[in-house]
């Protein structure tokens, strides 16, 4: 068993940390204050191959492993947590397209994602259906050889900025088998957007999207009619581990800063790290972060080796965001009044990370997946 990154992975990690520190970190707080997505961000990240990580080379991507995608999310999460959403979204959506789209569709859709020219989003949640996504109500009404989309999607990450979206819509009867997936142009008069004023994640443009007879054709259908729910949901297991690593990146940089502060700050004639009340929480949380990181990378390693990884991904999804918010909170307290100031990024990291305790799967659902894996479905809730 080898816990080290290989030479290529480690070289990529170091190069990415330099890029993220120089190019991404300086915009983290200013983008939050502006409260809108900065298009140059996608182009900058594309220049490093970050928007095409999971896209085959023939379509302009890097054809990277799931492990490498996790490394990217963790390093970007350290510098600009909100920028990591581009990795999460493009990796998940690319994976869905690669697994389910035709060769012609891949040639048409994937290069724009890889180049950063097309910012994608995934549209599942509705006002009345979040966790219970199989009950979604947005309708795809037959229209000639295509459909018209009618209804609303809400809480869509990058919803105010995205050019295209993977949209789940009901083409058939009730339940998951009545749901199809479409690659939809969002820059059309048939789609209107309403942004949210959020506690955190202000730079990612969370929004509601209203579809007013938005036209889609069979050329926009991803996979088979009625197969959209399964084809899309299959990608979430590994993307949840990527989410976990983005959160842990923000937690780790906060720990690093707090550790240095514990060396530098003096009280009662000695560094505050000499006090158990400061040192022991840092020791505890460093241990927890390392454990959560191992779970995330185990899930991604299993993904790369075509092994079942749903339970590990669920562990990563419920534990890493929760843990990261606790870590960042503790680090803020160690900095005292300086940490409470908006001059420090700690408060923003805390606000931002909390969002992923909600988005992309609640803790309750993750624990249900874990319980069923441990107990068997017949003995679990």
Protein backbone atom coordinates (compact mmCIF):
# COMPACT_ATOMS: atom_id res chain seq x y z
CA UNK A 1 0.00 0.00 0.00
CA UNK A 2 1.47 3.35 -1.08
CA UNK A 3 0.02 6.57 0.34
CA UNK A 4 2.19 8.85 -1.79
CA UNK A 5 1.20 10.58 -5.01
CA UNK A 6 3.25 9.30 -7.93
CA UNK A 7 5.81 11.62 -9.52
CA UNK A 8 3.39 13.01 -12.12
CA UNK A 9 0.65 13.62 -9.56
CA UNK A 10 3.05 15.33 -7.16
CA UNK A 11 4.50 17.50 -9.93
CA UNK A 12 0.98 18.51 -10.96
CA UNK A 13 0.06 19.30 -7.35
CA UNK A 14 3.06 21.57 -6.88
CA UNK A 15 2.55 23.34 -10.21
CA UNK A 16 -1.12 23.85 -9.43
CA UNK A 17 -0.38 25.26 -5.97
CA UNK A 18 1.89 27.87 -7.54
CA UNK A 19 -0.77 28.76 -10.10
CA UNK A 20 -3.58 28.90 -7.54
CA UNK A 21 -1.56 31.04 -5.13
CA UNK A 22 -0.57 33.51 -7.85
CA UNK A 23 -3.68 33.63 -10.04
CA UNK A 24 -6.68 32.54 -7.98
CA UNK A 25 -6.09 33.54 -4.36
CA UNK A 26 -5.84 37.31 -5.03
CA UNK A 27 -9.43 37.33 -6.34
CA UNK A 28 -11.05 35.17 -3.67
CA UNK A 29 -12.33 37.93 -1.41
CA UNK A 30 -12.89 40.56 -4.10
CA UNK A 31 -15.05 38.16 -6.14
CA UNK A 32 -17.12 37.52 -3.03
CA UNK A 33 -17.62 41.24 -2.49
CA UNK A 34 -18.59 41.72 -6.15
CA UNK A 35 -21.10 38.90 -5.75
CA UNK A 36 -20.87 37.64 -9.31
CA UNK A 37 -19.04 35.07 -11.39
CA UNK A 38 -15.94 36.40 -13.16
CA UNK A 39 -15.70 34.92 -16.69
CA UNK A 40 -11.93 35.28 -16.79
CA UNK A 41 -11.77 32.70 -14.01
CA UNK A 42 -12.93 29.94 -16.37
CA UNK A 43 -10.37 30.93 -19.00
CA UNK A 44 -7.55 31.10 -16.46
CA UNK A 45 -8.42 27.66 -15.12
CA UNK A 46 -8.80 26.27 -18.64
CA UNK A 47 -5.27 27.44 -19.37
CA UNK A 48 -4.13 25.02 -16.66
CA UNK A 49 -6.31 22.24 -18.04
CA UNK A 50 -8.62 22.36 -15.02
CA UNK A 51 -11.91 22.58 -16.92
CA UNK A 52 -11.02 19.61 -19.11
CA UNK A 53 -9.60 17.24 -16.52
CA UNK A 54 -12.01 14.38 -17.22
CA UNK A 55 -12.38 15.03 -20.93
CA UNK A 56 -10.55 12.71 -23.39
CA UNK A 57 -7.57 14.21 -25.17
CA UNK A 58 -9.26 13.89 -28.58
CA UNK A 59 -11.84 16.46 -27.42
CA UNK A 60 -9.30 18.89 -25.98
CA UNK A 61 -9.13 17.57 -22.45
CA UNK A 62 -6.54 16.07 -20.13
CA UNK A 63 -8.07 12.60 -19.73
CA UNK A 64 -6.94 12.74 -16.11
CA UNK A 65 -7.68 10.19 -13.43
CA UNK A 66 -10.24 10.78 -10.71
CA UNK A 67 -7.33 11.07 -8.26
CA UNK A 68 -5.87 13.96 -10.28
CA UNK A 69 -9.27 15.68 -10.33
CA UNK A 70 -9.29 15.37 -6.55
CA UNK A 71 -5.80 16.86 -6.28
CA UNK A 72 -6.98 19.79 -8.42
CA UNK A 73 -10.05 20.40 -6.26
CA UNK A 74 -8.02 20.31 -3.05
CA UNK A 75 -5.35 22.71 -4.29
CA UNK A 76 -7.85 25.14 -5.81
CA UNK A 77 -9.98 24.91 -2.66
CA UNK A 78 -6.98 26.13 -0.64
CA UNK A 79 -6.61 29.29 -2.72
CA UNK A 80 -10.15 30.13 -3.89
CA UNK A 81 -12.81 27.80 -2.61
CA UNK A 82 -15.45 29.11 -5.00
CA UNK A 83 -13.23 28.46 -8.01
CA UNK A 84 -13.34 24.77 -7.11
CA UNK A 85 -16.97 24.69 -8.27
CA UNK A 86 -15.69 24.90 -11.83
CA UNK A 87 -13.71 21.71 -11.26
CA UNK A 88 -16.65 20.00 -9.57
CA UNK A 89 -19.13 21.00 -12.30
CA UNK A 90 -16.95 20.39 -15.34
CA UNK A 91 -15.66 17.06 -14.02
CA UNK A 92 -19.17 15.79 -13.21
CA UNK A 93 -20.77 17.03 -16.42
CA UNK A 94 -17.91 15.86 -18.62
CA UNK A 95 -18.15 12.43 -17.05
CA UNK A 96 -21.89 12.29 -17.77
CA UNK A 97 -21.36 13.30 -21.40
CA UNK A 98 -18.42 10.95 -21.97
CA UNK A 99 -20.37 7.98 -20.60
CA UNK A 100 -23.71 8.65 -22.28
CA UNK A 101 -23.44 10.92 -25.33
CA UNK A 102 -22.86 9.91 -28.92
CA UNK A 103 -19.52 10.53 -30.64
CA UNK A 104 -21.09 13.38 -32.59
CA UNK A 105 -22.39 14.99 -29.39
CA UNK A 106 -19.01 14.63 -27.69
CA UNK A 107 -17.29 16.37 -30.60
CA UNK A 108 -19.82 19.20 -30.44
CA UNK A 109 -20.00 19.69 -26.68
CA UNK A 110 -16.77 18.73 -24.93
CA UNK A 111 -14.16 21.05 -26.56
CA UNK A 112 -16.01 24.18 -25.40
CA UNK A 113 -16.04 22.93 -21.81
CA UNK A 114 -12.35 22.05 -21.96
CA UNK A 115 -11.41 25.48 -23.36
CA UNK A 116 -13.38 27.38 -20.72
CA UNK A 117 -15.51 29.03 -23.39
CA UNK A 118 -18.61 27.11 -22.25
CA UNK A 119 -19.41 27.30 -18.54
CA UNK A 120 -21.77 24.40 -17.71
CA UNK A 121 -24.19 23.74 -14.90
CA UNK A 122 -26.36 20.83 -13.85
CA UNK A 123 -30.08 21.44 -13.34
CA UNK A 124 -31.80 18.91 -11.09
CA UNK A 125 -33.23 20.60 -7.98
CA UNK A 126 -36.71 22.14 -8.15
CA UNK A 127 -38.70 24.22 -5.66
CA UNK A 128 -40.57 21.12 -4.48
CA UNK A 129 -37.92 18.46 -5.10
CA UNK A 130 -34.33 18.42 -3.90
CA UNK A 131 -33.26 15.12 -2.38
CA UNK A 132 -36.28 13.40 -3.96
CA UNK A 133 -35.02 14.18 -7.45
CA UNK A 134 -36.83 11.25 -9.07
CA UNK A 135 -40.09 13.13 -8.45
CA UNK A 136 -39.06 16.22 -10.43
CA UNK A 137 -41.84 18.05 -12.28
CA UNK A 138 -40.17 20.15 -15.00
CA UNK A 139 -41.90 18.92 -18.15
CA UNK A 140 -40.56 18.14 -21.57
CA UNK A 141 -43.67 18.54 -23.71
CA UNK A 142 -43.49 16.84 -27.15
CA UNK A 143 -43.18 19.32 -30.01
CA UNK A 144 -42.58 17.92 -33.49
CA UNK A 145 -39.41 15.83 -33.39
CA UNK A 146 -38.35 17.46 -30.11
CA UNK A 147 -39.71 18.91 -26.89
CA UNK A 148 -40.45 22.19 -25.11
CA UNK A 149 -39.21 22.52 -21.52
CA UNK A 150 -41.65 24.07 -19.04
CA UNK A 151 -41.01 24.65 -15.36
CA UNK A 152 -38.41 25.79 -12.89
CA UNK A 153 -35.08 24.59 -11.56
CA UNK A 154 -33.70 26.15 -8.42
CA UNK A 155 -30.50 26.32 -6.37
CA UNK A 156 -28.44 25.89 -9.53
CA UNK A 157 -24.71 26.40 -9.00
CA UNK A 158 -23.35 28.84 -11.63
CA UNK A 159 -26.97 29.38 -12.65
CA UNK A 160 -26.51 33.09 -13.39
CA UNK A 161 -23.40 32.49 -15.52
CA UNK A 162 -23.70 29.11 -17.23
CA UNK A 163 -23.97 28.90 -21.01
CA UNK A 164 -25.25 25.32 -21.13
CA UNK A 165 -26.88 23.00 -18.66
CA UNK A 166 -27.55 19.31 -18.19
CA UNK A 167 -31.27 19.57 -17.49
CA UNK A 168 -33.36 16.71 -16.14
CA UNK A 169 -36.95 16.86 -17.37
CA UNK A 170 -39.94 14.57 -17.32
CA UNK A 171 -40.62 13.03 -20.73
CA UNK A 172 -42.65 10.11 -19.42
CA UNK A 173 -44.61 8.85 -16.46
CA UNK A 174 -43.86 9.17 -12.73
CA UNK A 175 -40.63 8.06 -11.15
CA UNK A 176 -37.03 7.89 -12.29
CA UNK A 177 -37.81 6.07 -15.56
CA UNK A 178 -39.87 8.99 -16.79
CA UNK A 179 -36.89 11.37 -16.63
CA UNK A 180 -34.61 12.32 -19.53
CA UNK A 181 -31.46 14.45 -19.65
CA UNK A 182 -30.87 17.26 -22.15
CA UNK A 183 -27.91 19.51 -23.02
CA UNK A 184 -29.68 22.86 -23.11
CA UNK A 185 -28.64 26.28 -24.39
CA UNK A 186 -29.36 28.65 -21.50
CA UNK A 187 -28.63 31.83 -23.45
CA UNK A 188 -32.08 31.99 -24.97
CA UNK A 189 -35.13 34.20 -24.32
CA UNK A 190 -36.95 31.03 -23.26
CA UNK A 191 -34.80 30.83 -20.09
CA UNK A 192 -34.86 33.50 -17.39
CA UNK A 193 -32.63 33.52 -14.32
CA UNK A 194 -33.14 34.79 -10.78
CA UNK A 195 -30.01 34.97 -8.64
CA UNK A 196 -29.92 34.38 -4.87
CA UNK A 197 -28.43 36.61 -2.20
CA UNK A 198 -26.59 33.93 -0.25
CA UNK A 199 -24.67 33.74 3.02
CA UNK A 200 -21.67 32.27 1.20
CA UNK A 201 -20.64 31.19 -2.29
CA UNK A 202 -21.55 34.64 -3.52
CA UNK A 203 -19.21 34.39 -6.51
CA UNK A 204 -20.77 31.23 -7.96
CA UNK A 205 -24.11 32.70 -9.01
CA UNK A 206 -26.60 30.29 -7.43
CA UNK A 207 -29.93 30.87 -9.15
CA UNK A 208 -33.38 29.70 -10.15
CA UNK A 209 -33.89 29.06 -13.86
CA UNK A 210 -37.34 29.39 -15.41
CA UNK A 211 -37.96 27.46 -18.63
CA UNK A 212 -40.74 28.94 -20.75
CA UNK A 213 -41.18 26.53 -23.68
CA UNK A 214 -37.41 26.28 -24.17
CA UNK A 215 -36.90 24.16 -27.31
CA UNK A 216 -34.77 21.00 -27.32
CA UNK A 217 -34.33 18.40 -30.05
CA UNK A 218 -33.29 14.77 -30.14
CA UNK A 219 -29.78 16.00 -30.87
CA UNK A 220 -29.82 17.57 -27.37
CA UNK A 221 -30.93 14.33 -25.65
CA UNK A 222 -28.16 12.78 -23.54
CA UNK A 223 -28.38 9.00 -23.77
CA UNK A 224 -31.75 7.35 -24.11
CA UNK A 225 -35.18 8.82 -23.51
CA UNK A 226 -36.18 7.92 -19.97
CA UNK A 227 -32.60 7.09 -19.00
CA UNK A 228 -31.58 10.53 -17.80
CA UNK A 229 -31.99 10.05 -14.08
CA UNK A 230 -29.75 6.98 -13.89
CA UNK A 231 -27.12 8.35 -16.27
CA UNK A 232 -26.78 11.59 -14.33
CA UNK A 233 -26.93 10.17 -10.81
CA UNK A 234 -24.17 7.65 -11.51
CA UNK A 235 -21.68 10.52 -11.70
CA UNK A 236 -22.43 11.90 -8.26
CA UNK A 237 -20.58 9.23 -6.28
CA UNK A 238 -17.15 10.32 -7.37
CA UNK A 239 -17.99 14.03 -7.60
CA UNK A 240 -18.92 13.93 -3.92
CA UNK A 241 -15.38 12.89 -3.07
CA UNK A 242 -14.10 15.81 -5.15
CA UNK A 243 -16.41 18.12 -3.17
CA UNK A 244 -14.95 16.72 0.04
CA UNK A 245 -11.42 17.53 -1.07
CA UNK A 246 -12.31 21.08 -2.09
CA UNK A 247 -13.68 21.65 1.43
CA UNK A 248 -10.63 20.04 3.01
CA UNK A 249 -8.38 22.31 0.96
CA UNK A 250 -10.02 25.33 2.60
CA UNK A 251 -9.73 23.64 6.00
CA UNK A 252 -6.06 22.78 5.52
CA UNK A 253 -4.97 26.28 4.52
CA UNK A 254 -6.84 27.59 7.57
CA UNK A 255 -5.01 25.09 9.78
CA UNK A 256 -1.69 26.05 8.24
CA UNK A 257 -2.38 29.71 8.98
CA UNK A 258 -3.50 28.97 12.54
CA UNK A 259 -0.42 26.86 13.23
CA UNK A 260 1.84 29.68 12.10
CA UNK A 261 -0.15 32.15 14.21
CA UNK A 262 0.29 29.86 17.22
CA UNK A 263 4.05 30.13 16.72
CA UNK A 264 4.10 33.89 16.11
CA UNK A 265 1.53 35.25 18.56
CA UNK A 266 2.69 35.67 22.13
CA UNK A 267 0.67 35.96 25.31
CA UNK A 268 1.91 35.96 28.90
CA UNK A 269 5.46 35.96 27.61
CA UNK A 270 5.32 32.88 25.35
CA UNK A 271 3.90 31.68 22.01
CA UNK A 272 0.23 30.80 22.32
CA UNK A 273 1.02 27.37 20.89
CA UNK A 274 2.53 26.58 24.31
CA UNK A 275 -0.99 26.56 25.76
CA UNK A 276 -2.86 23.26 25.56
CA UNK A 277 -6.12 25.11 24.88
CA UNK A 278 -4.62 26.29 21.60
CA UNK A 279 -2.37 23.36 20.66
CA UNK A 280 -4.73 20.47 21.37
CA UNK A 281 -7.64 21.59 19.16
CA UNK A 282 -5.17 22.09 16.31
CA UNK A 283 -3.76 18.61 16.89
CA UNK A 284 -7.22 17.07 16.96
CA UNK A 285 -8.43 18.78 13.81
CA UNK A 286 -5.22 18.01 11.92
CA UNK A 287 -5.91 14.35 12.71
CA UNK A 288 -9.52 14.54 11.56
CA UNK A 289 -8.59 16.34 8.34
CA UNK A 290 -6.04 13.68 7.48
CA UNK A 291 -8.59 10.94 8.07
CA UNK A 292 -11.23 12.64 5.93
CA UNK A 293 -8.70 13.20 3.15
CA UNK A 294 -7.87 9.49 3.10
CA UNK A 295 -11.56 8.60 2.70
CA UNK A 296 -11.91 11.02 -0.22
CA UNK A 297 -8.90 9.65 -2.05
CA UNK A 298 -9.95 6.06 -1.34
CA UNK A 299 -13.26 6.77 -3.10
CA UNK A 300 -11.43 8.29 -6.08
CA UNK A 301 -8.94 5.43 -6.21
CA UNK A 302 -11.84 2.99 -6.33
CA UNK A 303 -13.45 5.05 -9.09
CA UNK A 304 -10.25 4.80 -11.12
CA UNK A 305 -10.17 1.03 -10.61
CA UNK A 306 -13.87 0.50 -11.43
CA UNK A 307 -14.65 -0.59 -7.89
CA UNK A 308 -17.82 0.16 -5.94
CA UNK A 309 -17.30 3.41 -4.04
CA UNK A 310 -20.75 4.71 -3.09
CA UNK A 311 -20.25 4.28 0.67
CA UNK A 312 -16.84 5.98 0.65
CA UNK A 313 -18.18 8.85 -1.46
CA UNK A 314 -21.08 9.27 0.95
CA UNK A 315 -18.68 9.32 3.91
CA UNK A 316 -16.62 11.97 2.14
CA UNK A 317 -19.66 14.06 1.32
CA UNK A 318 -21.23 14.25 4.77
CA UNK A 319 -18.03 14.35 6.84
CA UNK A 320 -15.63 16.60 4.91
CA UNK A 321 -17.84 19.73 4.61
CA UNK A 322 -19.04 19.42 8.22
CA UNK A 323 -15.51 18.86 9.49
CA UNK A 324 -14.12 21.69 7.38
CA UNK A 325 -16.62 24.19 8.77
CA UNK A 326 -15.66 23.12 12.30
CA UNK A 327 -11.94 23.39 11.54
CA UNK A 328 -12.22 26.84 9.98
CA UNK A 329 -14.41 28.03 12.88
CA UNK A 330 -11.79 26.88 15.40
CA UNK A 331 -8.99 28.53 13.42
CA UNK A 332 -10.95 31.78 13.34
CA UNK A 333 -11.27 31.65 17.13
CA UNK A 334 -7.54 31.09 17.52
CA UNK A 335 -6.91 34.29 15.57
CA UNK A 336 -9.33 36.09 17.88
CA UNK A 337 -10.48 39.57 16.87
CA UNK A 338 -8.20 39.50 13.80
CA UNK A 339 -9.94 36.38 12.52
CA UNK A 340 -13.34 38.00 12.96
CA UNK A 341 -12.44 40.85 10.62
CA UNK A 342 -13.35 40.72 6.95
CA UNK A 343 -9.70 41.49 6.25
CA UNK A 344 -9.13 37.81 7.05
CA UNK A 345 -10.40 35.15 4.61
CA UNK A 346 -11.39 32.83 7.46
CA UNK A 347 -14.94 34.13 7.82
CA UNK A 348 -15.55 33.84 4.10
CA UNK A 349 -14.16 30.31 4.00
CA UNK A 350 -16.54 29.37 6.80
CA UNK A 351 -19.53 30.87 5.00
CA UNK A 352 -18.55 29.24 1.72
CA UNK A 353 -17.89 25.73 3.03
CA UNK A 354 -21.20 25.57 4.90
CA UNK A 355 -22.97 25.68 1.53
CA UNK A 356 -21.67 22.23 0.67
CA UNK A 357 -23.17 20.77 3.82
CA UNK A 358 -26.41 21.37 1.89
CA UNK A 359 -25.64 21.20 -1.82
CA UNK A 360 -25.07 18.02 -3.84
CA UNK A 361 -26.57 15.72 -1.24
CA UNK A 362 -27.58 16.24 2.38
CA UNK A 363 -25.87 14.55 5.32
CA UNK A 364 -29.03 12.55 5.95
CA UNK A 365 -28.96 10.98 2.50
CA UNK A 366 -25.25 10.26 2.77
CA UNK A 367 -25.78 8.49 6.08
CA UNK A 368 -28.62 6.47 4.55
CA UNK A 369 -26.27 5.28 1.78
CA UNK A 370 -23.63 4.36 4.36
CA UNK A 371 -26.13 2.55 6.61
CA UNK A 372 -27.44 0.48 3.72
CA UNK A 373 -23.90 -0.47 2.75
CA UNK A 374 -23.07 -1.51 6.31
CA UNK A 375 -26.31 -3.23 7.26
CA UNK A 376 -27.80 -4.29 3.95
CA UNK A 377 -30.91 -2.67 2.52
CA UNK A 378 -33.26 -5.05 4.32
CA UNK A 379 -31.90 -4.00 7.73
CA UNK A 380 -31.41 -0.28 7.16
CA UNK A 381 -33.81 2.71 6.95
